[in-house]
Protein backbone atom coordinates (compact mmCIF):
# COMPACT_ATOMS: atom_id res chain seq x y z
CA MET A 1 42.61 -15.31 40.70
CA VAL A 2 42.18 -18.35 42.73
CA THR A 3 39.90 -18.10 45.64
CA PRO A 4 40.25 -20.21 48.79
CA ILE A 5 37.66 -22.75 49.61
CA GLU A 6 35.21 -21.71 52.33
CA PHE A 7 33.64 -24.15 54.47
CA ASN A 8 31.99 -24.19 57.81
CA PRO A 9 33.95 -26.56 60.34
CA ASP A 10 30.60 -27.47 61.80
CA ASP A 11 29.56 -29.15 58.54
CA ILE A 12 32.21 -31.70 59.00
CA LYS A 13 30.99 -34.97 60.86
CA ILE A 14 33.66 -36.79 62.56
CA PRO A 15 32.29 -40.05 64.27
CA LYS A 16 32.53 -40.13 68.01
CA LEU A 17 34.83 -43.10 69.34
CA LYS A 18 31.52 -44.93 70.64
CA GLU A 19 29.95 -44.76 67.03
CA ILE A 20 32.88 -46.37 65.42
CA PRO A 21 32.12 -50.11 66.41
CA GLY A 22 28.66 -49.55 64.88
CA ILE A 23 30.03 -48.33 61.67
CA LEU A 24 32.36 -51.09 61.63
CA ARG A 25 29.67 -53.72 62.20
CA LYS A 26 27.44 -52.14 59.43
CA LYS A 27 30.48 -52.50 57.12
CA ALA A 28 31.21 -56.13 58.04
CA ARG A 29 27.44 -56.91 57.43
CA GLU A 30 27.73 -55.37 53.99
CA TYR A 31 30.86 -57.36 53.10
CA LYS A 32 29.55 -60.49 54.42
CA ARG A 33 26.24 -60.11 52.18
CA VAL A 34 28.30 -59.48 49.05
CA LEU A 35 30.64 -62.42 49.87
CA ALA A 36 27.54 -64.59 50.36
CA ILE A 37 26.08 -63.90 46.90
CA THR A 38 29.42 -64.26 44.89
CA ARG A 39 30.73 -67.48 43.50
CA LYS A 40 33.71 -68.65 41.49
CA PRO A 41 33.14 -68.44 37.80
CA LYS A 42 32.96 -71.48 35.65
CA MET A 43 35.69 -72.16 33.23
CA ASN A 44 33.81 -70.92 30.01
CA GLU A 45 32.71 -67.60 31.82
CA PHE A 46 36.28 -66.98 32.83
CA GLN A 47 37.50 -67.57 29.27
CA ALA A 48 34.91 -65.10 27.93
CA ILE A 49 35.87 -62.55 30.55
CA VAL A 50 39.58 -62.77 29.41
CA LYS A 51 38.54 -62.66 25.76
CA VAL A 52 36.47 -59.55 26.24
CA THR A 53 39.16 -57.82 28.57
CA GLY A 54 41.94 -58.62 26.06
CA LEU A 55 40.02 -57.27 23.17
CA GLY A 56 39.21 -54.08 25.01
CA MET A 57 42.96 -53.67 25.87
CA ILE A 58 43.87 -54.28 22.07
CA VAL A 59 41.24 -51.65 20.92
CA ILE A 60 42.19 -49.03 23.36
CA GLY A 61 45.89 -49.52 22.50
CA LEU A 62 45.18 -49.29 18.82
CA ILE A 63 43.23 -45.99 19.38
CA GLY A 64 46.03 -44.61 21.44
CA PHE A 65 48.70 -45.71 18.91
CA THR A 66 46.66 -44.00 16.10
CA ILE A 67 46.44 -40.70 17.93
CA PHE A 68 50.18 -40.96 18.75
CA ILE A 69 50.88 -41.45 14.97
CA ILE A 70 48.55 -38.46 13.98
CA VAL A 71 50.23 -36.16 16.41
CA GLN A 72 53.77 -37.15 15.12
CA LEU A 73 52.71 -36.62 11.53
CA MET A 74 51.08 -33.13 12.43
CA SER A 75 54.34 -32.13 14.46
CA LYS A 76 56.38 -33.03 11.22
CA LEU A 77 54.29 -31.12 9.03
CA ALA A 78 54.14 -27.87 11.07
């Protein structure tokens, strides 16, 4: 039996209209800080990232294909 989720409406905090600009200002400061410390990768860094990502995609694809083949063989044997 599924029971409904119980919650107290008083626990939900909805920011008041006057608090929203403060929240947006805080987020904008966080985004500005992140953008200040980031930089464009050099070509050799980019190539390394592409190689590692491609290798990861191939490995995950091979694992999925292997599982698919095993399931297909098991279904034919059953």
